[in-house]
Amino acid sequence: MSKGRPLVLMVLPFVAVGCVTSSQVSDRTQPLTRLLDEHHDAMYACAPRELATARAAIVFARHETAQGRPMSASRYVEQAEAASKKAFLASRSPWCMNDRDGDTIPDEVDRCPDAPEDMDGFEDEDGCPDPDNDQDGVPDRSDRCPNEPGPAKNDGCPIRDADDDGVLDDVDRCPNQAGPAANQGCPWPDRDGDGVMDRDDRCPDEAGPPGNQGCPYKLVEVTESQIVLRQTVHFQTGKARIKTESHPLLDEVAEAMLDHPTMRVRVEGHTDSIGDDRTNLRLSQARADAVRRYLMSRGVTPDRMTAIGYGEDNPLDDNATEVGRAINRRVEFHILSR
């Protein structure tokens, strides 16, 4: 049995008093038939005479229309409408429905037959009032969000997380910027703007690459194609023995490579033009090998380095001057892959 159907939908107004056409009879009796069918059991129990009268009047109205007697058909339509209205009203009365609390839900299906349903759109079919729909402890009458649980301090509405960082807005110091709970919902600062958050940055006020924990390299620079040295690797004259003064420089080269664990490099040895070409070629190869061995001693695996000596073939400056020759005596690190 449906409940709460507005009465205006149940009682159809007359189109006119007097003659009716076949189409009008059909339009006015079809809704009545549906109403009687839908509420048949309740009408049969509480208003059987009105029910029978309404059904008979519908049959007679259709018969009279078919016989070409519109005046008579019109009278039967009016009788059907009046009887249907009486039957429906009787079927909805509390005494008929056994509805002690008068909430239009029959006691036989009403879980709370002595407490009327509050008809607020939430579980209205069970017949029980729901003073706290979302069961958050805040009564619906004072709950700004009656169908969403939330704490009383927020008037019964859930506390949101505007930036979706997992930190609720009521405890989030930065509710519109995502940040970890460890920092109360705010992003970690990065004072030097190097992309390494201050909490992980060993040099928070000096920009440096993430691979070096946010600290700049002092003696080298890692570019796209090279590890550029800001100093010269010094060897004993005519030998491949690395001078102690160059150890800090090569230590930082090793650190840069360890910070970039997939990087592979070519270690190049170069000499000036003083002396025999073959001797210079052998010396440059020995020096490149010496640098490679030194980096291996600092933890760089040998498969990441290739050592090649070029002798005097690739000068950067004029070998006719002492300054030019000093520039040409060098070690370079060319990045093969990252």
Protein backbone atom coordinates (compact mmCIF):
# COMPACT_ATOMS: atom_id res chain seq x y z
CA MET A 1 0.00 0.00 0.00
CA SER A 2 1.50 3.36 -0.97
CA LYS A 3 1.56 6.15 1.58
CA GLY A 4 1.42 9.86 1.60
CA ARG A 5 -0.06 10.19 -1.94
CA PRO A 6 -1.35 13.76 -2.19
CA LEU A 7 -5.12 13.78 -2.16
CA VAL A 8 -5.22 16.14 -5.09
CA LEU A 9 -3.83 13.36 -7.26
CA MET A 10 -6.51 10.98 -6.13
CA VAL A 11 -9.61 13.08 -6.73
CA LEU A 12 -9.90 14.11 -10.35
CA PRO A 13 -11.79 17.32 -11.16
CA PHE A 14 -14.71 17.20 -13.58
CA VAL A 15 -14.04 18.49 -17.03
CA ALA A 16 -17.63 19.67 -17.39
CA VAL A 17 -21.14 18.75 -16.42
CA GLY A 18 -23.23 17.47 -19.26
CA CYS A 19 -22.40 15.48 -22.36
CA VAL A 20 -19.06 13.70 -22.55
CA THR A 21 -17.34 12.16 -25.49
CA SER A 22 -15.91 8.66 -25.66
CA SER A 23 -12.41 10.11 -25.32
CA GLN A 24 -13.38 12.12 -22.24
CA VAL A 25 -14.91 9.08 -20.58
CA SER A 26 -11.70 7.15 -21.15
CA ASP A 27 -9.50 10.01 -19.88
CA ARG A 28 -11.56 10.35 -16.68
CA THR A 29 -12.14 6.68 -15.86
CA GLN A 30 -8.64 5.28 -16.52
CA PRO A 31 -7.05 7.11 -13.53
CA LEU A 32 -9.95 6.02 -11.36
CA THR A 33 -9.40 2.40 -12.34
CA ARG A 34 -5.70 2.66 -11.47
CA LEU A 35 -6.53 4.20 -8.10
CA LEU A 36 -9.06 1.48 -7.28
CA ASP A 37 -6.64 -1.27 -8.29
CA GLU A 38 -3.76 0.16 -6.27
CA HIS A 39 -5.80 0.51 -3.05
CA HIS A 40 -8.19 -2.36 -3.62
CA ASP A 41 -7.41 -4.28 -0.41
CA ALA A 42 -7.76 -1.29 1.90
CA MET A 43 -10.90 -0.06 0.12
CA TYR A 44 -12.42 -3.54 0.16
CA ALA A 45 -11.80 -3.79 3.90
CA CYS A 46 -12.99 -0.31 4.88
CA ALA A 47 -15.29 0.93 2.12
CA PRO A 48 -16.56 -2.08 0.15
CA ARG A 49 -19.83 -0.42 -0.90
CA GLU A 50 -18.09 2.68 -2.26
CA LEU A 51 -15.55 0.48 -4.02
CA ALA A 52 -18.27 -1.57 -5.70
CA THR A 53 -20.21 1.56 -6.62
CA ALA A 54 -17.16 3.16 -8.21
CA ARG A 55 -16.31 0.08 -10.26
CA ALA A 56 -19.90 -0.40 -11.42
CA ALA A 57 -20.25 3.26 -12.36
CA ILE A 58 -17.09 3.03 -14.50
CA VAL A 59 -18.49 -0.02 -16.34
CA PHE A 60 -21.86 1.72 -16.89
CA ALA A 61 -20.20 4.94 -18.11
CA ARG A 62 -18.26 3.07 -20.73
CA HIS A 63 -21.33 1.07 -21.74
CA GLU A 64 -23.50 4.16 -22.11
CA THR A 65 -20.81 5.84 -24.19
CA ALA A 66 -20.66 2.84 -26.49
CA GLN A 67 -24.46 3.00 -26.86
CA GLY A 68 -24.30 6.65 -27.87
CA ARG A 69 -25.90 8.01 -24.69
CA PRO A 70 -23.47 10.75 -23.57
CA MET A 71 -25.74 12.34 -20.96
CA SER A 72 -26.16 9.05 -19.14
CA ALA A 73 -22.41 8.31 -19.49
CA SER A 74 -21.62 11.68 -17.90
CA ARG A 75 -23.77 10.93 -14.85
CA TYR A 76 -22.03 7.56 -14.33
CA VAL A 77 -18.60 9.20 -14.59
CA GLU A 78 -19.61 11.63 -11.85
CA GLN A 79 -20.86 8.75 -9.69
CA ALA A 80 -17.57 6.88 -10.23
CA GLU A 81 -15.50 9.91 -9.20
CA ALA A 82 -17.56 10.56 -6.09
CA ALA A 83 -17.52 6.90 -4.97
CA SER A 84 -13.78 6.59 -5.65
CA LYS A 85 -13.10 9.64 -3.49
CA LYS A 86 -15.13 8.25 -0.59
CA ALA A 87 -13.47 4.82 -0.88
CA PHE A 88 -9.99 6.29 -0.93
CA LEU A 89 -10.57 8.61 2.06
CA ALA A 90 -12.04 5.74 4.05
CA SER A 91 -9.09 3.48 3.19
CA ARG A 92 -6.62 6.07 4.50
CA SER A 93 -8.29 6.73 7.82
CA PRO A 94 -6.38 5.57 10.92
CA TRP A 95 -9.21 3.31 12.10
CA CYS A 96 -9.13 1.49 8.78
CA MET A 97 -5.37 1.18 8.54
CA ASN A 98 -4.91 0.29 12.22
CA ASP A 99 -2.48 3.19 12.42
CA ARG A 100 -2.35 4.17 16.08
CA ASP A 101 0.24 6.93 15.65
CA GLY A 102 -1.45 8.39 12.54
CA ASP A 103 1.68 8.48 10.38
CA THR A 104 -0.15 6.70 7.47
CA ILE A 105 1.99 3.58 7.93
CA PRO A 106 -0.22 0.62 9.00
CA ASP A 107 0.63 -0.84 12.37
CA GLU A 108 1.27 -4.25 10.83
CA VAL A 109 4.37 -2.88 9.05
CA ASP A 110 5.14 0.02 11.40
CA ARG A 111 8.22 -0.74 13.52
CA CYS A 112 7.19 2.06 15.88
CA PRO A 113 3.35 1.96 15.89
CA ASP A 114 3.08 4.42 18.80
CA ALA A 115 5.68 6.92 17.59
CA PRO A 116 4.87 8.69 14.31
CA GLU A 117 7.43 8.70 11.53
CA ASP A 118 8.97 12.17 11.06
CA MET A 119 8.75 12.00 7.25
CA ASP A 120 12.01 13.83 6.63
CA GLY A 121 13.07 11.81 3.63
CA PHE A 122 15.33 9.49 5.66
CA GLU A 123 14.12 5.89 6.13
CA ASP A 124 10.51 7.08 6.23
CA GLU A 125 9.18 3.65 5.26
CA ASP A 126 9.91 1.97 8.63
CA GLY A 127 7.43 4.08 10.61
CA CYS A 128 9.97 5.16 13.23
CA PRO A 129 11.06 8.73 13.84
CA ASP A 130 14.74 9.43 13.20
CA PRO A 131 15.83 12.27 15.48
CA ASP A 132 19.48 11.79 14.43
CA ASN A 133 19.62 10.53 10.87
CA ASP A 134 23.39 10.26 10.62
CA GLN A 135 23.78 8.99 14.22
CA ASP A 136 26.54 11.47 14.97
CA GLY A 137 25.11 12.46 18.34
CA VAL A 138 23.88 15.82 17.05
CA PRO A 139 20.03 15.94 16.86
CA ASP A 140 18.71 16.69 13.41
CA ARG A 141 17.00 19.84 14.65
CA SER A 142 20.41 21.42 15.31
CA ASP A 143 22.49 19.45 12.77
CA ARG A 144 23.54 21.53 9.75
CA CYS A 145 24.33 18.26 7.91
CA PRO A 146 21.68 15.81 9.17
CA ASN A 147 22.61 13.07 6.71
CA GLU A 148 26.41 13.35 7.06
CA PRO A 149 28.01 12.49 10.41
CA GLY A 150 30.13 15.19 11.95
CA PRO A 151 31.21 16.40 15.40
CA ALA A 152 29.12 18.73 17.52
CA LYS A 153 31.88 21.37 17.41
CA ASN A 154 31.25 21.63 13.68
CA ASP A 155 27.44 21.70 14.05
CA GLY A 156 27.13 18.06 13.01
CA CYS A 157 28.93 18.52 9.69
CA PRO A 158 31.99 16.48 8.73
CA ILE A 159 35.32 18.26 8.95
CA ARG A 160 36.71 18.54 5.44
CA ASP A 161 40.20 18.13 4.03
CA ALA A 162 40.30 20.84 1.37
CA ASP A 163 43.80 20.03 0.11
CA ASP A 164 43.40 16.21 0.30
CA ASP A 165 46.62 15.79 2.26
CA GLY A 166 45.09 13.54 4.92
CA VAL A 167 45.18 16.29 7.57
CA LEU A 168 41.70 17.54 8.46
CA ASP A 169 41.14 21.25 8.09
CA ASP A 170 40.51 21.86 11.79
CA VAL A 171 44.11 20.89 12.61
CA ASP A 172 45.72 21.77 9.26
CA ARG A 173 47.86 24.92 9.52
CA CYS A 174 47.78 25.14 5.71
CA PRO A 175 44.30 23.85 4.74
CA ASN A 176 44.68 24.88 1.09
CA GLN A 177 48.23 23.58 0.60
CA ALA A 178 48.96 19.88 0.79
CA GLY A 179 51.55 18.94 3.36
CA PRO A 180 52.49 16.02 5.64
CA ALA A 181 50.96 15.46 9.03
CA ALA A 182 54.44 15.70 10.51
CA ASN A 183 54.42 19.39 9.54
CA GLN A 184 50.78 19.97 10.59
CA GLY A 185 49.51 19.81 7.03
CA CYS A 186 51.92 22.39 5.63
CA PRO A 187 54.48 21.68 2.89
CA TRP A 188 58.08 21.51 4.05
CA PRO A 189 59.91 24.77 3.31
CA ASP A 190 62.75 25.00 0.82
CA ARG A 191 64.55 28.22 1.66
CA ASP A 192 67.18 28.00 -1.08
CA GLY A 193 64.70 26.88 -3.74
CA ASP A 194 66.82 23.94 -4.91
CA GLY A 195 64.02 21.39 -4.78
CA VAL A 196 65.42 19.71 -1.66
CA MET A 197 63.15 20.31 1.32
CA ASP A 198 64.89 21.96 4.27
CA ARG A 199 64.39 18.93 6.50
CA ASP A 200 66.47 16.85 4.04
CA ASP A 201 68.81 19.65 2.93
CA ARG A 202 72.29 19.59 4.45
CA CYS A 203 72.74 23.14 3.13
CA PRO A 204 69.27 24.73 3.43
CA ASP A 205 70.58 28.21 2.60
CA GLU A 206 72.77 27.18 -0.34
CA ALA A 207 71.23 25.72 -3.48
CA GLY A 208 72.57 22.33 -4.42
CA PRO A 209 71.54 19.22 -6.36
CA PRO A 210 69.34 16.57 -4.72
CA GLY A 211 72.10 14.03 -5.32
CA ASN A 212 74.34 16.00 -2.97
CA GLN A 213 71.61 16.37 -0.32
CA GLY A 214 70.98 19.95 -1.34
CA CYS A 215 74.56 21.13 -0.97
CA PRO A 216 76.52 22.63 -3.86
CA TYR A 217 79.68 20.92 -5.05
CA LYS A 218 82.60 23.19 -4.24
CA LEU A 219 85.23 21.95 -6.65
CA VAL A 220 83.18 20.43 -9.49
CA GLU A 221 80.02 21.13 -11.45
CA VAL A 222 77.84 18.44 -13.01
CA THR A 223 76.52 19.60 -16.40
CA GLU A 224 74.63 17.69 -19.06
CA SER A 225 77.79 16.48 -20.76
CA GLN A 226 80.65 16.73 -18.23
CA ILE A 227 81.79 16.77 -14.67
CA VAL A 228 83.59 20.08 -14.95
CA LEU A 229 86.60 20.56 -12.67
CA ARG A 230 87.17 23.96 -11.07
CA GLN A 231 90.76 23.01 -10.35
CA THR A 232 93.46 21.07 -12.15
CA VAL A 233 94.45 17.53 -11.26
CA HIS A 234 98.16 17.76 -10.46
CA PHE A 235 100.66 14.95 -11.06
CA GLN A 236 104.30 14.64 -10.31
CA THR A 237 106.29 15.95 -13.29
CA GLY A 238 106.56 13.35 -16.04
CA LYS A 239 104.76 10.75 -13.92
CA ALA A 240 101.27 9.39 -13.31
CA ARG A 241 101.42 9.81 -9.53
CA ILE A 242 98.58 12.08 -8.32
CA LYS A 243 99.72 14.80 -5.93
CA THR A 244 98.06 14.85 -2.51
CA GLU A 245 96.83 18.38 -3.08
CA SER A 246 94.46 17.04 -5.78
CA HIS A 247 92.86 14.40 -3.56
CA PRO A 248 90.03 16.70 -2.33
CA LEU A 249 89.19 17.52 -5.97
CA LEU A 250 88.99 13.86 -6.98
CA ASP A 251 87.12 13.02 -3.77
CA GLU A 252 84.40 15.42 -4.88
CA VAL A 253 84.34 13.85 -8.36
CA ALA A 254 83.77 10.49 -6.66
CA GLU A 255 81.05 12.02 -4.49
CA ALA A 256 79.28 13.42 -7.57
CA MET A 257 79.38 10.02 -9.26
CA LEU A 258 78.09 8.28 -6.15
CA ASP A 259 75.30 10.87 -6.00
CA HIS A 260 74.40 9.87 -9.58
CA PRO A 261 74.59 6.07 -9.30
CA THR A 262 73.72 5.32 -12.94
CA MET A 263 76.12 7.81 -14.48
CA ARG A 264 78.96 6.48 -16.68
CA VAL A 265 81.94 8.62 -17.64
CA ARG A 266 85.00 8.66 -19.87
CA VAL A 267 88.12 9.76 -17.98
CA GLU A 268 90.37 11.59 -20.44
CA GLY A 269 94.07 12.32 -19.96
CA HIS A 270 95.73 15.17 -21.95
CA THR A 271 99.30 16.51 -22.08
CA ASP A 272 101.09 19.48 -23.55
CA SER A 273 103.38 19.14 -26.58
CA ILE A 274 106.69 19.09 -24.73
CA GLY A 275 108.47 15.82 -25.35
CA ASP A 276 107.95 12.84 -27.63
CA ASP A 277 104.45 12.21 -29.01
CA ARG A 278 104.47 8.54 -28.02
CA THR A 279 105.76 9.33 -24.57
CA ASN A 280 103.02 11.91 -24.09
CA LEU A 281 100.38 9.45 -25.30
CA ARG A 282 101.59 6.79 -22.83
CA LEU A 283 101.79 9.37 -20.03
CA SER A 284 98.24 10.64 -20.67
CA GLN A 285 96.89 7.07 -20.62
CA ALA A 286 98.75 6.30 -17.39
CA ARG A 287 97.37 9.44 -15.77
CA ALA A 288 93.81 8.65 -16.89
CA ASP A 289 94.24 5.12 -15.48
CA ALA A 290 95.59 6.55 -12.22
CA VAL A 291 92.56 8.80 -11.82
CA ARG A 292 90.22 5.88 -12.56
CA ARG A 293 91.95 3.76 -9.90
CA TYR A 294 91.70 6.59 -7.40
CA LEU A 295 87.94 6.93 -7.98
CA MET A 296 87.58 3.16 -7.59
CA SER A 297 89.28 3.46 -4.20
CA ARG A 298 86.56 5.94 -3.25
CA GLY A 299 83.74 3.53 -4.09
CA VAL A 300 83.02 4.14 -7.80
CA THR A 301 82.70 0.77 -9.55
CA PRO A 302 85.08 0.19 -12.49
CA ASP A 303 82.28 -0.61 -14.96
CA ARG A 304 81.14 3.00 -14.74
CA MET A 305 84.43 4.46 -16.00
CA THR A 306 86.49 4.21 -19.18
CA ALA A 307 90.02 5.72 -19.18
CA ILE A 308 91.54 7.04 -22.42
CA GLY A 309 94.76 9.00 -22.96
CA TYR A 310 94.86 11.44 -25.90
CA GLY A 311 98.40 12.72 -25.45
CA GLU A 312 98.90 16.13 -27.03
CA ASP A 313 96.23 15.68 -29.75
CA ASN A 314 93.45 17.84 -28.28
CA PRO A 315 94.94 21.07 -26.94
CA LEU A 316 92.72 23.76 -25.48
CA ASP A 317 95.31 26.52 -25.72
CA ASP A 318 98.58 27.48 -27.37
CA ASN A 319 101.43 25.09 -26.50
CA ALA A 320 103.91 27.86 -27.37
CA THR A 321 103.27 29.56 -24.00
CA GLU A 322 103.70 28.31 -20.46
CA VAL A 323 100.16 29.35 -19.60
CA GLY A 324 98.79 27.52 -22.64
CA ARG A 325 100.79 24.38 -21.86
CA ALA A 326 99.50 24.39 -18.25
CA ILE A 327 95.92 24.55 -19.54
CA ASN A 328 96.53 21.68 -21.95
CA ARG A 329 97.87 19.40 -19.18
CA ARG A 330 94.53 18.27 -17.83
CA VAL A 331 92.07 15.51 -16.92
CA GLU A 332 88.48 15.68 -18.16
CA PHE A 333 85.35 13.70 -17.25
CA HIS A 334 82.86 13.28 -20.11
CA ILE A 335 79.43 11.85 -19.25
CA LEU A 336 78.56 8.88 -21.46
CA SER A 337 75.17 8.15 -19.90
CA ARG A 338 73.14 9.06 -16.87
